[in-house]
Amino acid sequence: MTIAVTGATGFVGRWLVAHLLAAGHSLVVLTRTHDGAERVPARCRVVVWDPARGPLAPAALEGVDAVVNLAGAGVADGRWSARRKDVILGSRVDTTRGLAHAIAAMPTERRPRVLVSASAVGVYGDRGDEAVTEESSAGTGFLAEVCQAWEREARAAESTGIRVVILRIGVVLGRGGGALARMLPPFRLGLGGRIGSGRQWTSWIHLDDLVALIAFALERSDVRAVVNAVAPGPVTNADLAATLGRVLGRPARVPVPALALRVALGEMAAVLLEGQRVVPAAAERYGFRFRHPELAGALADVAVDASTVLETEQWVRQPPAEVFSFFSDAHNLERITPPFLKFRILGVSAPELRTGTRIDYQLSLHGVPVRWQSMIQDWNPDRSFVDVQTRGPYQRWEHTHEFEPYEGGTIIRDRVRYELPLGALGGVVAGGFVAKDVAAIFDFRRSSIRGIFG
């Protein structure tokens, strides 16, 4: 199947794209900027389209069998000023409207068969202890109004004769982003706790289950209309905090007062202080099976491992043997490392890289000189190698390099897993800064490789 995806560089979108590619689908990624295109996996076809600059050309969807619409600015990324509200609404409504218009402009026989479009459980408003299903009415408030407008644009595509599925997504639990990215640092320090009264309901879903549900909606022709994308076991905020504390082996007794949140966040505090007890009635009726139906198991799967993972890939025209040869010379690392690190190789333990070879470096981290030693842990010529830090600034650093032949060239894939020293304290104090540094290093690396290989 050829699938077009918006929001592919977001928290859910990245995971979905990886899942769909692994399943053998062809992907067309619609992204607003060329910077966004740089972060898309190399096997995707990229269309740069900003709804604010003009309509989507129907040709962009030529040959597309299905569309997944995940586009939308983060609702919790800042206080809700009037301008921010416009961004939150427009990023959803304009993109969805543009997709529906482009589909309508295509000849009937060449239109995609299905549109799976995101919404959120915020559409139900604050419902107290009421059990909410897909048949329940919409609520009130800013988020409810945004979701209703968003869904109206998706439903407009039904007039073209295609199948439309609207997924009302709850709090997504996954590694490397979403709600847990904000929750984990204080909870790992034992400083977590309920928010406000803790009685507000949280309807959640594991990221793996959300991606599987999207794929389910794409493939099952009988799935249509609204589907609540939440696990079967909603919990109160107090239960969420207590469960996360137990999973991490930390106390969770430091509440966040509602008044403090309202002062700090203004109207946006409603995201944390209000809730919905949402039931996935439609998903269960269609026979979807959740891999993570219980909160404790879901949190154990995503929260216990404290490491951070960064993945990036790019395509170059040269074959794997030629590209691998470049990486086989340790001194070429200096050519693809940003100048601000003042990176220099001090010595290599063997004339040729192979399993067990050790490389000594010197670099500078924000002006502080650092010695680093890495060892080649696994060496597979023309295919892959792994280096791990044996001495240096990280508690753990493991870098996997893969070289995949593709369309006459090579996909260079990097996967880095790292942990900071001092455990949870290190993550709280320096996690954000380090993540930006690592991202900047690999942005430079991509640019340098593009310049070297063309």
Protein backbone atom coordinates (compact mmCIF):
# COMPACT_ATOMS: atom_id res chain seq x y z
CA MET A 1 0.00 0.00 0.00
CA THR A 2 1.17 3.56 -0.70
CA ILE A 3 0.34 5.77 2.27
CA ALA A 4 0.62 9.55 2.60
CA VAL A 5 1.38 10.83 6.11
CA THR A 6 1.21 14.31 7.62
CA GLY A 7 2.86 14.97 10.98
CA ALA A 8 5.49 12.33 10.18
CA THR A 9 8.27 14.06 12.14
CA GLY A 10 6.24 14.31 15.35
CA PHE A 11 6.29 12.01 18.35
CA VAL A 12 3.62 9.62 17.01
CA GLY A 13 4.46 10.20 13.35
CA ARG A 14 8.08 9.05 13.63
CA TRP A 15 7.02 5.78 15.22
CA LEU A 16 4.22 5.26 12.69
CA VAL A 17 6.51 5.87 9.72
CA ALA A 18 9.04 3.34 11.04
CA HIS A 19 6.26 0.79 11.59
CA LEU A 20 4.75 1.25 8.12
CA LEU A 21 8.13 1.04 6.39
CA ALA A 22 8.98 -2.13 8.32
CA ALA A 23 5.64 -3.59 7.19
CA GLY A 24 6.63 -3.03 3.55
CA HIS A 25 4.45 -0.04 2.69
CA SER A 26 5.55 2.84 0.45
CA LEU A 27 5.28 6.25 2.07
CA VAL A 28 4.70 9.80 0.86
CA VAL A 29 5.46 12.28 3.63
CA LEU A 30 3.84 15.72 3.52
CA THR A 31 5.92 18.17 5.54
CA ARG A 32 5.73 21.93 5.94
CA THR A 33 9.44 22.73 5.62
CA HIS A 34 12.61 21.51 3.97
CA ASP A 35 14.05 21.13 7.48
CA GLY A 36 11.25 18.68 8.18
CA ALA A 37 12.12 16.81 4.99
CA GLU A 38 15.67 16.33 6.30
CA ARG A 39 14.30 14.36 9.26
CA VAL A 40 12.26 11.94 7.16
CA PRO A 41 13.58 8.39 6.53
CA ALA A 42 15.35 8.04 3.20
CA ARG A 43 12.91 5.50 1.76
CA CYS A 44 10.03 8.01 1.89
CA ARG A 45 8.99 10.27 -0.97
CA VAL A 46 8.77 13.81 0.41
CA VAL A 47 6.36 16.56 -0.58
CA VAL A 48 6.97 19.97 1.01
CA TRP A 49 3.59 21.62 1.55
CA ASP A 50 2.70 24.46 3.90
CA PRO A 51 -1.08 25.01 3.99
CA ALA A 52 -0.47 28.67 4.84
CA ARG A 53 1.28 29.16 1.49
CA GLY A 54 -1.24 27.54 -0.79
CA PRO A 55 -3.37 24.50 -1.56
CA LEU A 56 -2.06 20.97 -1.88
CA ALA A 57 -1.73 19.93 -5.52
CA PRO A 58 -3.80 16.78 -6.18
CA ALA A 59 -0.74 15.38 -7.99
CA ALA A 60 0.94 15.05 -4.59
CA LEU A 61 -1.53 12.24 -3.80
CA GLU A 62 -1.20 10.52 -7.16
CA GLY A 63 -0.86 6.77 -6.61
CA VAL A 64 -1.68 7.07 -2.90
CA ASP A 65 -3.99 4.39 -1.47
CA ALA A 66 -4.47 5.87 2.00
CA VAL A 67 -3.81 9.07 3.96
CA VAL A 68 -2.92 9.37 7.66
CA ASN A 69 -3.33 12.90 9.00
CA LEU A 70 -1.42 13.55 12.24
CA ALA A 71 -0.51 17.20 11.71
CA GLY A 72 -1.00 19.63 14.58
CA ALA A 73 1.01 21.98 16.78
CA GLY A 74 1.51 20.80 20.36
CA VAL A 75 -1.24 21.95 22.72
CA ALA A 76 1.06 21.93 25.75
CA ASP A 77 4.09 23.64 24.23
CA GLY A 78 3.39 27.05 25.74
CA ARG A 79 0.80 29.36 27.31
CA TRP A 80 -2.34 29.80 25.26
CA SER A 81 -2.00 33.34 24.02
CA ALA A 82 -4.43 34.39 21.31
CA ARG A 83 -1.70 33.80 18.73
CA ARG A 84 -0.87 30.36 20.13
CA LYS A 85 -4.52 29.38 20.01
CA ASP A 86 -4.63 30.37 16.35
CA VAL A 87 -1.60 28.17 15.66
CA ILE A 88 -3.11 25.19 17.50
CA LEU A 89 -6.38 25.51 15.59
CA GLY A 90 -4.97 26.45 12.20
CA SER A 91 -2.32 23.74 12.12
CA ARG A 92 -5.07 21.15 12.38
CA VAL A 93 -7.94 22.67 10.45
CA ASP A 94 -5.94 24.07 7.52
CA THR A 95 -4.02 20.83 6.94
CA THR A 96 -7.11 18.63 7.13
CA ARG A 97 -9.09 20.98 4.87
CA GLY A 98 -6.24 21.01 2.35
CA LEU A 99 -6.15 17.22 2.25
CA ALA A 100 -9.92 16.98 1.76
CA HIS A 101 -9.84 19.56 -1.06
CA ALA A 102 -6.97 17.80 -2.83
CA ILE A 103 -8.77 14.45 -2.61
CA ALA A 104 -11.98 16.00 -3.96
CA ALA A 105 -10.07 17.46 -6.92
CA MET A 106 -8.78 14.04 -7.99
CA PRO A 107 -10.60 11.80 -10.46
CA THR A 108 -12.83 9.41 -8.53
CA GLU A 109 -10.99 6.29 -9.61
CA ARG A 110 -7.61 7.68 -8.49
CA ARG A 111 -8.56 8.95 -5.05
CA PRO A 112 -7.15 7.35 -1.89
CA ARG A 113 -9.48 4.75 -0.45
CA VAL A 114 -9.29 5.91 3.17
CA LEU A 115 -8.41 8.93 5.31
CA VAL A 116 -7.40 8.21 8.92
CA SER A 117 -7.38 11.56 10.69
CA ALA A 118 -6.33 12.32 14.24
CA SER A 119 -8.45 14.07 16.82
CA ALA A 120 -8.24 13.96 20.62
CA VAL A 121 -10.30 12.92 23.62
CA GLY A 122 -10.36 16.62 24.50
CA VAL A 123 -13.39 16.80 22.21
CA TYR A 124 -15.47 15.47 25.13
CA GLY A 125 -14.51 18.33 27.45
CA ASP A 126 -14.27 17.85 31.22
CA ARG A 127 -16.70 15.01 32.02
CA GLY A 128 -16.01 14.14 35.65
CA ASP A 129 -16.61 10.45 36.37
CA GLU A 130 -18.88 9.85 33.37
CA ALA A 131 -17.82 6.90 31.18
CA VAL A 132 -17.53 8.36 27.67
CA THR A 133 -17.87 6.38 24.42
CA GLU A 134 -17.87 7.36 20.76
CA GLU A 135 -21.63 7.97 21.04
CA SER A 136 -21.21 10.63 23.73
CA SER A 137 -21.75 14.28 22.89
CA ALA A 138 -18.97 16.81 22.46
CA GLY A 139 -18.05 19.02 25.39
CA THR A 140 -17.15 22.66 25.81
CA GLY A 141 -13.93 24.61 26.13
CA PHE A 142 -11.11 25.55 23.80
CA LEU A 143 -9.80 22.04 23.13
CA ALA A 144 -13.29 20.66 22.57
CA GLU A 145 -13.93 23.41 20.03
CA VAL A 146 -10.62 22.76 18.27
CA CYS A 147 -11.36 19.05 18.01
CA GLN A 148 -14.86 19.63 16.67
CA ALA A 149 -13.54 21.98 13.96
CA TRP A 150 -10.76 19.50 13.16
CA GLU A 151 -13.19 16.61 12.82
CA ARG A 152 -15.59 18.61 10.62
CA GLU A 153 -12.82 19.08 8.05
CA ALA A 154 -12.03 15.35 8.09
CA ARG A 155 -15.69 14.41 7.68
CA ALA A 156 -15.90 16.67 4.63
CA ALA A 157 -13.81 14.08 2.79
CA GLU A 158 -16.68 11.60 3.11
CA SER A 159 -18.49 13.52 0.37
CA THR A 160 -15.79 12.30 -2.07
CA GLY A 161 -16.84 8.70 -1.42
CA ILE A 162 -13.76 7.62 0.53
CA ARG A 163 -13.79 5.95 3.91
CA VAL A 164 -12.99 8.30 6.81
CA VAL A 165 -11.82 7.21 10.27
CA ILE A 166 -11.40 9.77 13.06
CA LEU A 167 -9.18 8.64 15.92
CA ARG A 168 -9.80 10.45 19.21
CA ILE A 169 -6.41 9.97 20.83
CA GLY A 170 -5.74 9.98 24.56
CA VAL A 171 -2.48 10.62 26.43
CA VAL A 172 0.19 8.73 24.48
CA LEU A 173 2.77 6.85 26.56
CA GLY A 174 6.01 6.19 24.72
CA ARG A 175 9.76 6.66 24.88
CA GLY A 176 11.37 9.92 23.91
CA GLY A 177 8.42 12.28 23.88
CA GLY A 178 4.83 12.96 24.78
CA ALA A 179 3.54 13.39 28.32
CA LEU A 180 6.14 11.07 29.86
CA ALA A 181 9.02 13.24 28.66
CA ARG A 182 7.80 15.93 31.08
CA MET A 183 6.74 13.58 33.87
CA LEU A 184 9.76 11.30 34.16
CA PRO A 185 12.50 13.70 35.41
CA PRO A 186 10.74 14.71 38.66
CA PHE A 187 9.34 11.20 39.21
CA ARG A 188 12.79 9.64 38.84
CA LEU A 189 14.02 12.01 41.55
CA GLY A 190 11.16 11.02 43.83
CA LEU A 191 9.54 14.44 43.42
CA GLY A 192 6.47 13.39 41.45
CA GLY A 193 2.87 13.30 42.57
CA ARG A 194 -0.71 13.96 41.63
CA ILE A 195 -1.78 17.13 39.85
CA GLY A 196 -4.41 19.22 41.59
CA SER A 197 -6.99 17.03 43.29
CA GLY A 198 -5.81 13.97 41.34
CA ARG A 199 -9.44 12.99 40.74
CA GLN A 200 -9.45 13.98 37.07
CA TRP A 201 -9.43 11.02 34.70
CA THR A 202 -6.59 10.22 32.31
CA SER A 203 -7.40 8.19 29.21
CA TRP A 204 -4.11 6.88 27.88
CA ILE A 205 -2.70 4.59 25.20
CA HIS A 206 0.70 2.99 24.67
CA LEU A 207 2.44 4.31 21.56
CA ASP A 208 2.75 0.80 20.13
CA ASP A 209 -1.00 0.29 20.46
CA LEU A 210 -1.76 3.64 18.85
CA VAL A 211 0.42 2.84 15.85
CA ALA A 212 -1.13 -0.62 15.60
CA LEU A 213 -4.63 0.90 15.77
CA ILE A 214 -3.80 3.31 12.93
CA ALA A 215 -2.57 0.39 10.82
CA PHE A 216 -5.72 -1.55 11.80
CA ALA A 217 -7.91 1.34 10.64
CA LEU A 218 -6.04 1.53 7.34
CA GLU A 219 -6.40 -2.15 6.58
CA ARG A 220 -9.91 -2.95 7.84
CA SER A 221 -12.49 -1.70 5.35
CA ASP A 222 -15.28 -1.98 7.95
CA VAL A 223 -13.65 0.53 10.33
CA ARG A 224 -15.11 3.98 9.86
CA ALA A 225 -16.37 7.10 11.65
CA VAL A 226 -15.12 7.81 15.20
CA VAL A 227 -12.82 5.45 17.15
CA ASN A 228 -11.54 6.28 20.63
CA ALA A 229 -7.79 5.60 20.57
CA VAL A 230 -7.40 4.83 24.27
CA ALA A 231 -6.58 1.75 26.32
CA PRO A 232 -9.41 -0.08 28.10
CA GLY A 233 -8.25 1.02 31.56
CA PRO A 234 -8.52 4.80 32.13
CA VAL A 235 -7.19 5.91 35.51
CA THR A 236 -7.39 8.96 37.72
CA ASN A 237 -4.40 11.26 37.78
CA ALA A 238 -3.67 10.16 41.35
CA ASP A 239 -3.59 6.51 40.23
CA LEU A 240 -1.34 7.43 37.31
CA ALA A 241 1.12 9.16 39.63
CA ALA A 242 1.09 6.29 42.15
CA THR A 243 1.57 3.66 39.44
CA LEU A 244 4.45 5.52 37.83
CA GLY A 245 6.10 5.87 41.23
CA ARG A 246 5.78 2.12 41.88
CA VAL A 247 7.16 1.23 38.45
CA LEU A 248 10.18 3.47 39.01
CA GLY A 249 10.62 2.42 42.64
CA ARG A 250 10.26 6.03 43.82
CA PRO A 251 7.84 7.80 46.14
CA ALA A 252 5.17 9.87 44.40
CA ARG A 253 3.89 12.09 47.20
CA VAL A 254 4.70 15.63 46.00
CA PRO A 255 1.45 17.11 44.65
CA VAL A 256 1.31 19.97 42.18
CA PRO A 257 -1.27 22.51 43.45
CA ALA A 258 -3.96 23.49 40.98
CA LEU A 259 -3.55 27.18 41.83
CA ALA A 260 0.16 27.07 41.03
CA LEU A 261 -0.57 25.52 37.64
CA ARG A 262 -3.19 28.12 36.82
CA VAL A 263 -0.81 30.92 37.74
CA ALA A 264 2.05 29.38 35.74
CA LEU A 265 0.12 28.15 32.70
CA GLY A 266 -3.04 30.21 32.58
CA GLU A 267 -5.83 28.69 30.54
CA MET A 268 -3.54 25.90 29.35
CA ALA A 269 -3.68 24.40 32.88
CA ALA A 270 -6.99 22.86 31.80
CA VAL A 271 -5.00 20.23 29.89
CA LEU A 272 -3.71 18.91 33.22
CA LEU A 273 -6.57 19.71 35.58
CA GLU A 274 -9.48 18.43 33.52
CA GLY A 275 -10.05 14.94 32.17
CA GLN A 276 -12.24 12.37 30.52
CA ARG A 277 -12.97 8.75 31.39
CA VAL A 278 -12.98 7.45 27.81
CA VAL A 279 -13.81 3.87 26.81
CA PRO A 280 -12.57 2.31 23.51
CA ALA A 281 -15.97 0.82 22.68
CA ALA A 282 -15.57 0.96 18.89
CA ALA A 283 -12.04 -0.50 18.85
CA GLU A 284 -13.17 -3.42 20.99
CA ARG A 285 -16.27 -3.92 18.85
CA TYR A 286 -14.10 -4.16 15.73
CA GLY A 287 -11.94 -6.76 17.49
CA PHE A 288 -8.77 -4.71 17.98
CA ARG A 289 -6.50 -6.33 20.59
CA PHE A 290 -4.41 -4.08 22.84
CA ARG A 291 -0.88 -5.25 23.60
CA HIS A 292 -0.77 -2.97 26.66
CA PRO A 293 -4.24 -2.84 28.22
CA GLU A 294 -3.01 -2.19 31.78
CA LEU A 295 -1.22 0.96 32.92
CA ALA A 296 1.46 -0.69 35.06
CA GLY A 297 2.65 -2.88 32.20
CA ALA A 298 2.60 0.00 29.73
CA LEU A 299 4.64 2.22 32.05
CA ALA A 300 7.11 -0.56 32.81
CA ASP A 301 7.68 -0.97 29.08
CA VAL A 302 8.41 2.70 28.38
CA ALA A 303 9.62 4.30 31.62
CA VAL A 304 12.12 1.97 33.28
CA ASP A 305 14.91 2.33 30.70
CA ALA A 306 16.48 5.74 31.38
CA SER A 307 18.50 5.87 28.16
CA THR A 308 17.84 8.32 25.34
CA VAL A 309 17.76 7.15 21.72
CA LEU A 310 18.46 9.25 18.64
CA GLU A 311 17.96 7.82 15.15
CA THR A 312 18.76 9.44 11.84
CA GLU A 313 19.33 8.31 8.27
CA GLN A 314 20.20 9.68 4.85
CA TRP A 315 20.73 8.41 1.33
CA VAL A 316 23.91 8.91 -0.72
CA ARG A 317 24.64 7.89 -4.31
CA GLN A 318 27.68 5.73 -3.59
CA PRO A 319 27.43 1.94 -3.00
CA PRO A 320 27.82 0.50 0.53
CA ALA A 321 31.38 -0.71 -0.04
CA GLU A 322 32.57 2.79 -0.93
CA VAL A 323 30.69 4.42 1.95
CA PHE A 324 31.86 1.81 4.45
CA SER A 325 35.43 2.37 3.29
CA PHE A 326 35.13 6.02 4.31
CA PHE A 327 33.96 5.07 7.80
CA SER A 328 36.73 2.46 8.07
CA ASP A 329 39.27 5.26 8.41
CA ALA A 330 38.94 6.50 11.98
CA HIS A 331 40.49 9.85 11.07
CA ASN A 332 37.52 10.63 8.81
CA LEU A 333 35.50 11.11 12.00
CA GLU A 334 37.20 14.49 12.33
CA ARG A 335 35.70 15.52 8.97
CA ILE A 336 32.11 14.84 10.04
CA THR A 337 32.28 16.22 13.61
CA PRO A 338 31.30 19.88 14.24
CA PRO A 339 34.11 22.35 14.97
CA PHE A 340 32.59 23.42 18.30
CA LEU A 341 33.63 20.03 19.74
CA LYS A 342 37.32 20.63 18.86
CA PHE A 343 37.43 16.92 18.13
CA ARG A 344 40.82 15.26 17.61
CA ILE A 345 41.87 11.61 17.39
CA LEU A 346 44.79 10.81 19.68
CA GLY A 347 45.37 7.19 18.73
CA VAL A 348 43.96 3.97 17.30
CA SER A 349 44.91 0.59 18.77
CA ALA A 350 45.14 -1.21 15.42
CA PRO A 351 46.02 -0.11 11.86
CA GLU A 352 42.60 -1.27 10.60
CA LEU A 353 39.28 -1.00 12.40
CA ARG A 354 37.79 -4.30 13.47
CA THR A 355 36.02 -5.81 16.48
CA GLY A 356 37.99 -4.87 19.59
CA THR A 357 39.77 -1.83 18.12
CA ARG A 358 40.00 1.07 20.58
CA ILE A 359 40.06 4.71 19.53
CA ASP A 360 41.16 7.56 21.81
CA TYR A 361 39.82 11.07 21.26
CA GLN A 362 40.02 14.49 22.76
CA LEU A 363 37.15 16.96 22.50
CA SER A 364 35.64 19.98 24.24
CA LEU A 365 32.15 20.07 25.79
CA HIS A 366 31.13 23.68 26.32
CA GLY A 367 34.75 24.67 26.84
CA VAL A 368 35.62 21.74 29.12
CA PRO A 369 38.37 19.42 27.71
CA VAL A 370 37.26 15.77 27.73
CA ARG A 371 39.10 12.55 26.94
CA TRP A 372 37.02 9.82 25.31
CA GLN A 373 37.77 6.24 24.38
CA SER A 374 35.52 4.05 22.30
CA MET A 375 35.78 0.41 21.26
CA ILE A 376 34.45 -1.30 18.15
CA GLN A 377 32.07 -3.85 19.60
CA ASP A 378 30.82 -5.34 16.34
CA TRP A 379 32.29 -5.03 12.83
CA ASN A 380 30.50 -6.27 9.69
CA PRO A 381 32.22 -4.89 6.57
CA ASP A 382 29.96 -3.03 4.13
CA ARG A 383 26.94 -3.62 6.40
CA SER A 384 27.31 -2.28 9.94
CA PHE A 385 29.47 -1.61 12.95
CA VAL A 386 28.89 -0.65 16.58
CA ASP A 387 31.12 1.47 18.79
CA VAL A 388 30.67 1.89 22.54
CA GLN A 389 32.19 4.34 24.97
CA THR A 390 34.69 2.70 27.32
CA ARG A 391 35.82 5.96 28.91
CA GLY A 392 34.20 9.37 28.64
CA PRO A 393 31.49 11.76 29.78
CA TYR A 394 28.48 9.44 29.46
CA GLN A 395 27.26 6.69 31.71
CA ARG A 396 26.52 4.80 28.49
CA TRP A 397 27.08 5.55 24.82
CA GLU A 398 26.36 3.00 22.09
CA HIS A 399 26.41 4.03 18.44
CA THR A 400 25.16 1.64 15.75
CA HIS A 401 26.05 2.44 12.12
CA GLU A 402 24.16 0.63 9.35
CA PHE A 403 24.67 0.76 5.58
CA GLU A 404 21.74 -0.46 3.50
CA PRO A 405 21.90 -0.72 -0.31
CA TYR A 406 19.01 1.24 -1.81
CA GLU A 407 18.25 2.46 -5.33
CA GLY A 408 21.84 2.16 -6.49
CA GLY A 409 23.22 4.00 -3.46
CA THR A 410 23.32 3.60 0.29
CA ILE A 411 21.09 4.50 3.22
CA ILE A 412 23.38 5.50 6.08
CA ARG A 413 21.56 4.89 9.34
CA ASP A 414 22.77 6.03 12.78
CA ARG A 415 21.23 4.88 16.05
CA VAL A 416 22.66 6.28 19.29
CA ARG A 417 21.59 5.18 22.76
CA TYR A 418 23.04 7.12 25.67
CA GLU A 419 22.65 7.72 29.40
CA LEU A 420 24.01 10.60 31.42
CA PRO A 421 26.02 10.19 34.63
CA LEU A 422 24.39 10.76 38.05
CA GLY A 423 21.25 8.90 37.00
CA ALA A 424 18.01 10.85 37.36
CA LEU A 425 19.78 13.93 38.67
CA GLY A 426 21.97 14.08 35.59
CA GLY A 427 18.90 13.82 33.37
CA VAL A 428 17.12 16.64 35.18
CA VAL A 429 20.12 18.96 35.29
CA ALA A 430 21.57 18.42 31.84
CA GLY A 431 19.24 16.16 29.85
CA GLY A 432 17.72 18.90 27.73
CA PHE A 433 21.04 20.56 26.94
CA VAL A 434 22.69 17.27 26.05
CA ALA A 435 19.82 16.23 23.78
CA LYS A 436 20.18 19.51 21.85
CA ASP A 437 23.94 19.03 21.61
CA VAL A 438 23.60 15.47 20.32
CA ALA A 439 20.99 16.58 17.77
CA ALA A 440 23.28 19.40 16.60
CA ILE A 441 26.20 16.98 16.24
CA PHE A 442 24.18 14.67 14.02
CA ASP A 443 22.72 17.54 11.99
CA PHE A 444 26.30 18.60 11.22
CA ARG A 445 27.23 14.99 10.49
CA ARG A 446 24.40 14.66 7.95
CA SER A 447 25.36 17.91 6.27
CA SER A 448 29.04 16.92 6.10
CA ILE A 449 28.26 13.50 4.65
CA ARG A 450 26.03 15.11 2.05
CA GLY A 451 28.89 17.42 1.09
CA ILE A 452 31.45 14.61 0.94
CA PHE A 453 29.36 12.14 -1.05
CA GLY A 454 27.21 14.58 -3.03
